[in-house]
Amino acid sequence: MQNNHKEHLYKILVIGDLGVGKTSIIKRYVHQNFSPNYRATIGVDFALKVLNWDQETVRLQLWDIAGQERFGNMTRVYYREAMGAFIVFDVTRPSSFEAVTKWKEDLDSKLTLSNGKNVAAVLLANKCDQGRDMLNNNGIKMEKFCQENGFVGWFETSAKENINIDEAANCLVKHIIANENDILQSEVPDTISPQLSSSTDGTCSSCFRS
């Protein structure tokens, strides 16, 4: 009997300023652990997460890119062939939020999909366990900011408390798959690609519909 089980491999970038918690988010998502000991990433690091998504296998290759790399010339190399990105800031450090637009501009200027569109990007307001008051007063502003800057959604996250890490990843994967289906349909007009959806989707108000 023919096996119709499909597998997908998506490269996902995790970018943002130094010390915002990118490595901790990846460790929580992939390995389900958290370490309070901070060690700056040098250059780029990698991790792999495997998901069962609507009876298909999705492999996420997460690229943990050092915070200072935006000031160098290597990001173009690191970004190549990525299908999605998390841009992370630390809610306790306003300067890291101010840098978000610069990271997004850097991403969009160096990486586009084959159909000319920008890759899906989700904004993570990390360390929300330490700064919820700031976010509670700025939720509406955050949605407006994301829509104006081309993010498909945003989430308050905490790697320490495991808040919204999986939900944010599901949001990003959903948009990556939708983009991939759009590309496939535009390349082969007579072929209809199935729209995939996750059973965990539908409960998040911070994930915008495409």
C-alpha atoms as a PDB file:
ATOM      1  CA  MET A   1       0.000   0.000   0.000  1.00  0.00           C
ATOM      2  CA  GLN A   2       1.355   3.427  -0.923  1.00  0.00           C
ATOM      3  CA  ASN A   3       2.389   5.628   1.965  1.00  0.00           C
ATOM      4  CA  ASN A   4       0.940   9.121   1.459  1.00  0.00           C
ATOM      5  CA  HIS A   5       2.397  10.487   4.707  1.00  0.00           C
ATOM      6  CA  LYS A   6       4.082  13.812   3.963  1.00  0.00           C
ATOM      7  CA  GLU A   7       7.036  15.390   5.700  1.00  0.00           C
ATOM      8  CA  HIS A   8       7.926  19.068   5.690  1.00  0.00           C
ATOM      9  CA  LEU A   9      11.178  20.745   6.748  1.00  0.00           C
ATOM     10  CA  TYR A  10      11.020  24.449   7.566  1.00  0.00           C
ATOM     11  CA  LYS A  11      13.893  26.697   8.545  1.00  0.00           C
ATOM     12  CA  ILE A  12      12.832  29.193  11.218  1.00  0.00           C
ATOM     13  CA  LEU A  13      14.917  32.140  12.405  1.00  0.00           C
ATOM     14  CA  VAL A  14      14.926  33.291  16.039  1.00  0.00           C
ATOM     15  CA  ILE A  15      16.233  36.848  16.088  1.00  0.00           C
ATOM     16  CA  GLY A  16      16.313  39.871  18.385  1.00  0.00           C
ATOM     17  CA  ASP A  17      18.713  41.828  20.549  1.00  0.00           C
ATOM     18  CA  LEU A  18      21.289  40.345  22.892  1.00  0.00           C
ATOM     19  CA  GLY A  19      19.884  38.831  26.082  1.00  0.00           C
ATOM     20  CA  VAL A  20      16.167  38.866  25.207  1.00  0.00           C
ATOM     21  CA  GLY A  21      15.839  35.106  25.793  1.00  0.00           C
ATOM     22  CA  LYS A  22      16.054  33.588  22.296  1.00  0.00           C
ATOM     23  CA  THR A  23      18.110  30.578  23.402  1.00  0.00           C
ATOM     24  CA  SER A  24      15.877  30.000  26.436  1.00  0.00           C
ATOM     25  CA  ILE A  25      12.756  30.031  24.261  1.00  0.00           C
ATOM     26  CA  ILE A  26      14.277  27.422  21.939  1.00  0.00           C
ATOM     27  CA  LYS A  27      15.406  25.219  24.850  1.00  0.00           C
ATOM     28  CA  ARG A  28      11.939  25.371  26.392  1.00  0.00           C
ATOM     29  CA  TYR A  29      10.243  24.575  23.085  1.00  0.00           C
ATOM     30  CA  VAL A  30      12.567  21.770  21.987  1.00  0.00           C
ATOM     31  CA  HIS A  31      13.828  20.252  25.239  1.00  0.00           C
ATOM     32  CA  GLN A  32      11.161  21.402  27.733  1.00  0.00           C
ATOM     33  CA  ASN A  33      13.698  22.824  30.162  1.00  0.00           C
ATOM     34  CA  PHE A  34      14.932  26.195  31.383  1.00  0.00           C
ATOM     35  CA  SER A  35      18.275  27.322  32.763  1.00  0.00           C
ATOM     36  CA  PRO A  36      18.680  30.652  34.582  1.00  0.00           C
ATOM     37  CA  ASN A  37      22.370  30.728  33.642  1.00  0.00           C
ATOM     38  CA  TYR A  38      22.898  33.166  30.782  1.00  0.00           C
ATOM     39  CA  ARG A  39      25.396  32.393  28.031  1.00  0.00           C
ATOM     40  CA  ALA A  40      25.518  34.595  24.961  1.00  0.00           C
ATOM     41  CA  THR A  41      25.165  32.804  21.629  1.00  0.00           C
ATOM     42  CA  ILE A  42      28.179  33.238  19.367  1.00  0.00           C
ATOM     43  CA  GLY A  43      27.247  33.480  15.694  1.00  0.00           C
ATOM     44  CA  VAL A  44      24.448  30.967  15.235  1.00  0.00           C
ATOM     45  CA  ASP A  45      23.216  27.787  16.949  1.00  0.00           C
ATOM     46  CA  PHE A  46      20.701  25.190  15.800  1.00  0.00           C
ATOM     47  CA  ALA A  47      17.928  23.010  17.200  1.00  0.00           C
ATOM     48  CA  LEU A  48      15.368  20.636  15.668  1.00  0.00           C
ATOM     49  CA  LYS A  49      11.729  20.247  16.696  1.00  0.00           C
ATOM     50  CA  VAL A  50       9.484  17.562  15.183  1.00  0.00           C
ATOM     51  CA  LEU A  51       5.703  18.075  15.147  1.00  0.00           C
ATOM     52  CA  ASN A  52       2.795  15.861  14.148  1.00  0.00           C
ATOM     53  CA  TRP A  53       0.628  18.328  12.238  1.00  0.00           C
ATOM     54  CA  ASP A  54      -2.707  17.216  10.821  1.00  0.00           C
ATOM     55  CA  GLN A  55      -1.396  13.679  10.176  1.00  0.00           C
ATOM     56  CA  GLU A  56       1.771  15.023   8.592  1.00  0.00           C
ATOM     57  CA  THR A  57       5.277  15.419   9.994  1.00  0.00           C
ATOM     58  CA  VAL A  58       6.685  18.921  10.291  1.00  0.00           C
ATOM     59  CA  ARG A  59      10.347  19.359  11.150  1.00  0.00           C
ATOM     60  CA  LEU A  60      11.358  22.810  12.336  1.00  0.00           C
ATOM     61  CA  GLN A  61      15.025  23.730  12.032  1.00  0.00           C
ATOM     62  CA  LEU A  62      15.395  26.590  14.508  1.00  0.00           C
ATOM     63  CA  TRP A  63      18.287  28.978  13.907  1.00  0.00           C
ATOM     64  CA  ASP A  64      19.307  30.796  17.094  1.00  0.00           C
ATOM     65  CA  ILE A  65      21.069  33.899  15.769  1.00  0.00           C
ATOM     66  CA  ALA A  66      23.244  36.013  18.067  1.00  0.00           C
ATOM     67  CA  GLY A  67      21.861  39.409  19.027  1.00  0.00           C
ATOM     68  CA  GLN A  68      24.810  41.373  17.708  1.00  0.00           C
ATOM     69  CA  GLU A  69      24.622  39.809  14.225  1.00  0.00           C
ATOM     70  CA  ARG A  70      22.277  42.499  12.890  1.00  0.00           C
ATOM     71  CA  PHE A  71      25.276  44.848  12.914  1.00  0.00           C
ATOM     72  CA  GLY A  72      27.344  42.513  10.726  1.00  0.00           C
ATOM     73  CA  ASN A  73      27.084  41.177   7.204  1.00  0.00           C
ATOM     74  CA  MET A  74      26.360  37.537   8.015  1.00  0.00           C
ATOM     75  CA  THR A  75      22.610  37.767   8.495  1.00  0.00           C
ATOM     76  CA  ARG A  76      22.010  37.493   4.755  1.00  0.00           C
ATOM     77  CA  VAL A  77      23.740  34.095   4.841  1.00  0.00           C
ATOM     78  CA  TYR A  78      21.900  32.996   7.990  1.00  0.00           C
ATOM     79  CA  TYR A  79      18.490  34.081   6.661  1.00  0.00           C
ATOM     80  CA  ARG A  80      18.779  32.207   3.362  1.00  0.00           C
ATOM     81  CA  GLU A  81      15.920  29.758   2.618  1.00  0.00           C
ATOM     82  CA  ALA A  82      14.108  30.453   5.896  1.00  0.00           C
ATOM     83  CA  MET A  83      10.314  30.160   5.780  1.00  0.00           C
ATOM     84  CA  GLY A  84       9.485  31.989   8.998  1.00  0.00           C
ATOM     85  CA  ALA A  85      10.887  33.952  11.914  1.00  0.00           C
ATOM     86  CA  PHE A  86      10.367  34.779  15.559  1.00  0.00           C
ATOM     87  CA  ILE A  87      11.501  38.266  16.496  1.00  0.00           C
ATOM     88  CA  VAL A  88      11.991  38.472  20.260  1.00  0.00           C
ATOM     89  CA  PHE A  89      12.178  41.359  22.707  1.00  0.00           C
ATOM     90  CA  ASP A  90      12.442  41.557  26.495  1.00  0.00           C
ATOM     91  CA  VAL A  91       9.406  43.288  28.049  1.00  0.00           C
ATOM     92  CA  THR A  92      11.596  44.603  30.882  1.00  0.00           C
ATOM     93  CA  ARG A  93      13.958  46.363  28.447  1.00  0.00           C
ATOM     94  CA  PRO A  94      12.279  49.010  26.250  1.00  0.00           C
ATOM     95  CA  SER A  95      15.417  49.349  24.117  1.00  0.00           C
ATOM     96  CA  SER A  96      15.001  45.746  22.952  1.00  0.00           C
ATOM     97  CA  PHE A  97      11.473  46.585  21.725  1.00  0.00           C
ATOM     98  CA  GLU A  98      12.781  49.668  19.914  1.00  0.00           C
ATOM     99  CA  ALA A  99      15.162  47.340  18.049  1.00  0.00           C
ATOM    100  CA  VAL A 100      12.291  45.133  16.782  1.00  0.00           C
ATOM    101  CA  THR A 101      11.571  47.341  13.755  1.00  0.00           C
ATOM    102  CA  LYS A 102      15.256  47.279  12.815  1.00  0.00           C
ATOM    103  CA  TRP A 103      15.335  43.477  12.975  1.00  0.00           C
ATOM    104  CA  LYS A 104      12.150  43.270  10.898  1.00  0.00           C
ATOM    105  CA  GLU A 105      13.531  45.682   8.304  1.00  0.00           C
ATOM    106  CA  ASP A 106      16.778  43.690   8.160  1.00  0.00           C
ATOM    107  CA  LEU A 107      14.803  40.464   7.678  1.00  0.00           C
ATOM    108  CA  ASP A 108      12.491  41.845   4.981  1.00  0.00           C
ATOM    109  CA  SER A 109      15.329  43.512   3.064  1.00  0.00           C
ATOM    110  CA  LYS A 110      17.357  40.297   2.848  1.00  0.00           C
ATOM    111  CA  LEU A 111      14.751  37.535   2.581  1.00  0.00           C
ATOM    112  CA  THR A 112      11.592  37.060   0.525  1.00  0.00           C
ATOM    113  CA  LEU A 113       9.620  34.004  -0.562  1.00  0.00           C
ATOM    114  CA  SER A 114       9.694  32.840  -4.173  1.00  0.00           C
ATOM    115  CA  ASN A 115       6.387  34.656  -4.775  1.00  0.00           C
ATOM    116  CA  GLY A 116       7.929  37.930  -3.637  1.00  0.00           C
ATOM    117  CA  LYS A 117       6.140  38.094  -0.280  1.00  0.00           C
ATOM    118  CA  ASN A 118       7.823  38.500   3.089  1.00  0.00           C
ATOM    119  CA  VAL A 119       8.241  35.417   5.253  1.00  0.00           C
ATOM    120  CA  ALA A 120       5.817  34.947   8.139  1.00  0.00           C
ATOM    121  CA  ALA A 121       7.089  36.606  11.320  1.00  0.00           C
ATOM    122  CA  VAL A 122       5.691  36.346  14.845  1.00  0.00           C
ATOM    123  CA  LEU A 123       6.658  38.859  17.537  1.00  0.00           C
ATOM    124  CA  LEU A 124       7.431  37.444  20.997  1.00  0.00           C
ATOM    125  CA  ALA A 125       7.132  39.723  24.038  1.00  0.00           C
ATOM    126  CA  ASN A 126       9.373  37.580  26.220  1.00  0.00           C
ATOM    127  CA  LYS A 127       9.889  37.475  29.997  1.00  0.00           C
ATOM    128  CA  CYS A 128       6.226  38.394  30.498  1.00  0.00           C
ATOM    129  CA  ASP A 129       6.407  36.761  33.948  1.00  0.00           C
ATOM    130  CA  GLN A 130       8.543  39.767  34.938  1.00  0.00           C
ATOM    131  CA  GLY A 131       6.689  42.544  33.116  1.00  0.00           C
ATOM    132  CA  ARG A 132       2.988  41.807  32.712  1.00  0.00           C
ATOM    133  CA  ASP A 133       1.910  45.297  33.843  1.00  0.00           C
ATOM    134  CA  MET A 134       3.619  46.914  30.882  1.00  0.00           C
ATOM    135  CA  LEU A 135       1.932  44.554  28.430  1.00  0.00           C
ATOM    136  CA  ASN A 136      -1.532  44.827  29.985  1.00  0.00           C
ATOM    137  CA  ASN A 137      -1.498  48.536  29.231  1.00  0.00           C
ATOM    138  CA  ASN A 138      -0.245  48.125  25.684  1.00  0.00           C
ATOM    139  CA  GLY A 139      -2.135  45.171  24.175  1.00  0.00           C
ATOM    140  CA  ILE A 140      -4.094  47.245  21.653  1.00  0.00           C
ATOM    141  CA  LYS A 141      -0.975  49.207  20.726  1.00  0.00           C
ATOM    142  CA  MET A 142       0.880  45.925  20.186  1.00  0.00           C
ATOM    143  CA  GLU A 143      -1.725  44.632  17.735  1.00  0.00           C
ATOM    144  CA  LYS A 144      -1.590  47.915  15.810  1.00  0.00           C
ATOM    145  CA  PHE A 145       2.228  47.808  15.819  1.00  0.00           C
ATOM    146  CA  CYS A 146       2.252  44.235  14.473  1.00  0.00           C
ATOM    147  CA  GLN A 147      -0.212  44.979  11.686  1.00  0.00           C
ATOM    148  CA  GLU A 148       1.697  48.118  10.656  1.00  0.00           C
ATOM    149  CA  ASN A 149       5.026  46.244  10.608  1.00  0.00           C
ATOM    150  CA  GLY A 150       3.890  43.073   8.873  1.00  0.00           C
ATOM    151  CA  PHE A 151       3.841  40.566  11.736  1.00  0.00           C
ATOM    152  CA  VAL A 152       1.306  37.731  11.460  1.00  0.00           C
ATOM    153  CA  GLY A 153       0.806  37.739  15.233  1.00  0.00           C
ATOM    154  CA  TRP A 154       2.319  38.430  18.643  1.00  0.00           C
ATOM    155  CA  PHE A 155       2.454  36.592  21.958  1.00  0.00           C
ATOM    156  CA  GLU A 156       3.434  37.288  25.533  1.00  0.00           C
ATOM    157  CA  THR A 157       5.933  34.536  26.280  1.00  0.00           C
ATOM    158  CA  SER A 158       7.996  33.255  29.164  1.00  0.00           C
ATOM    159  CA  ALA A 159      10.581  30.530  28.697  1.00  0.00           C
ATOM    160  CA  LYS A 160      10.902  30.287  32.476  1.00  0.00           C
ATOM    161  CA  GLU A 161       7.181  29.714  33.108  1.00  0.00           C
ATOM    162  CA  ASN A 162       6.497  28.030  29.731  1.00  0.00           C
ATOM    163  CA  ILE A 163       3.900  30.625  28.695  1.00  0.00           C
ATOM    164  CA  ASN A 164       2.648  30.653  25.087  1.00  0.00           C
ATOM    165  CA  ILE A 165       5.763  29.067  23.553  1.00  0.00           C
ATOM    166  CA  ASP A 166       3.861  26.240  21.846  1.00  0.00           C
ATOM    167  CA  GLU A 167       0.994  28.558  20.899  1.00  0.00           C
ATOM    168  CA  ALA A 168       3.361  31.007  19.207  1.00  0.00           C
ATOM    169  CA  ALA A 169       5.055  28.195  17.296  1.00  0.00           C
ATOM    170  CA  ASN A 170       1.699  26.808  16.133  1.00  0.00           C
ATOM    171  CA  CYS A 171       0.711  30.264  14.892  1.00  0.00           C
ATOM    172  CA  LEU A 172       3.950  30.586  12.903  1.00  0.00           C
ATOM    173  CA  VAL A 173       3.729  27.077  11.413  1.00  0.00           C
ATOM    174  CA  LYS A 174       0.120  27.702  10.349  1.00  0.00           C
ATOM    175  CA  HIS A 175       1.164  30.804   8.418  1.00  0.00           C
ATOM    176  CA  ILE A 176       4.233  29.093   6.932  1.00  0.00           C
ATOM    177  CA  ILE A 177       2.061  26.277   5.581  1.00  0.00           C
ATOM    178  CA  ALA A 178      -0.468  28.777   4.195  1.00  0.00           C
ATOM    179  CA  ASN A 179       2.360  30.640   2.420  1.00  0.00           C
ATOM    180  CA  GLU A 180       3.760  27.384   1.055  1.00  0.00           C
ATOM    181  CA  ASN A 181       0.342  26.395  -0.297  1.00  0.00           C
ATOM    182  CA  ASP A 182      -0.006  29.806  -1.951  1.00  0.00           C
ATOM    183  CA  ILE A 183       3.373  29.338  -3.628  1.00  0.00           C
ATOM    184  CA  LEU A 184       2.528  25.823  -4.811  1.00  0.00           C
ATOM    185  CA  GLN A 185      -0.826  26.942  -6.212  1.00  0.00           C
ATOM    186  CA  SER A 186       0.733  29.862  -8.062  1.00  0.00           C
ATOM    187  CA  GLU A 187       3.415  27.621  -9.585  1.00  0.00           C
ATOM    188  CA  VAL A 188       1.000  24.847 -10.585  1.00  0.00           C
ATOM    189  CA  PRO A 189      -2.391  26.493 -11.277  1.00  0.00           C
ATOM    190  CA  ASP A 190      -4.178  23.207 -12.016  1.00  0.00           C
ATOM    191  CA  THR A 191      -3.161  21.626  -8.727  1.00  0.00           C
ATOM    192  CA  ILE A 192      -5.104  22.198  -5.531  1.00  0.00           C
ATOM    193  CA  SER A 193      -2.998  21.838  -2.383  1.00  0.00           C
ATOM    194  CA  PRO A 194      -4.817  20.883   0.835  1.00  0.00           C
ATOM    195  CA  GLN A 195      -5.006  23.565   3.475  1.00  0.00           C
ATOM    196  CA  LEU A 196      -3.552  22.179   6.683  1.00  0.00           C
ATOM    197  CA  SER A 197      -4.820  23.153  10.089  1.00  0.00           C
ATOM    198  CA  SER A 198      -3.812  22.204  13.610  1.00  0.00           C
ATOM    199  CA  SER A 199      -6.273  20.959  16.174  1.00  0.00           C
ATOM    200  CA  THR A 200      -4.674  23.399  18.632  1.00  0.00           C
ATOM    201  CA  ASP A 201      -5.515  26.389  16.433  1.00  0.00           C
ATOM    202  CA  GLY A 202      -8.488  28.654  16.870  1.00  0.00           C
ATOM    203  CA  THR A 203      -8.094  29.762  20.468  1.00  0.00           C
ATOM    204  CA  CYS A 204      -5.507  32.498  20.022  1.00  0.00           C
ATOM    205  CA  SER A 205      -6.609  36.073  19.525  1.00  0.00           C
ATOM    206  CA  SER A 206      -3.023  37.179  18.941  1.00  0.00           C
ATOM    207  CA  CYS A 207      -2.556  35.157  15.756  1.00  0.00           C
ATOM    208  CA  PHE A 208      -3.861  37.154  12.815  1.00  0.00           C
ATOM    209  CA  ARG A 209      -5.696  35.482   9.979  1.00  0.00           C
ATOM    210  CA  SER A 210      -3.991  35.626   6.626  1.00  0.00           C
END
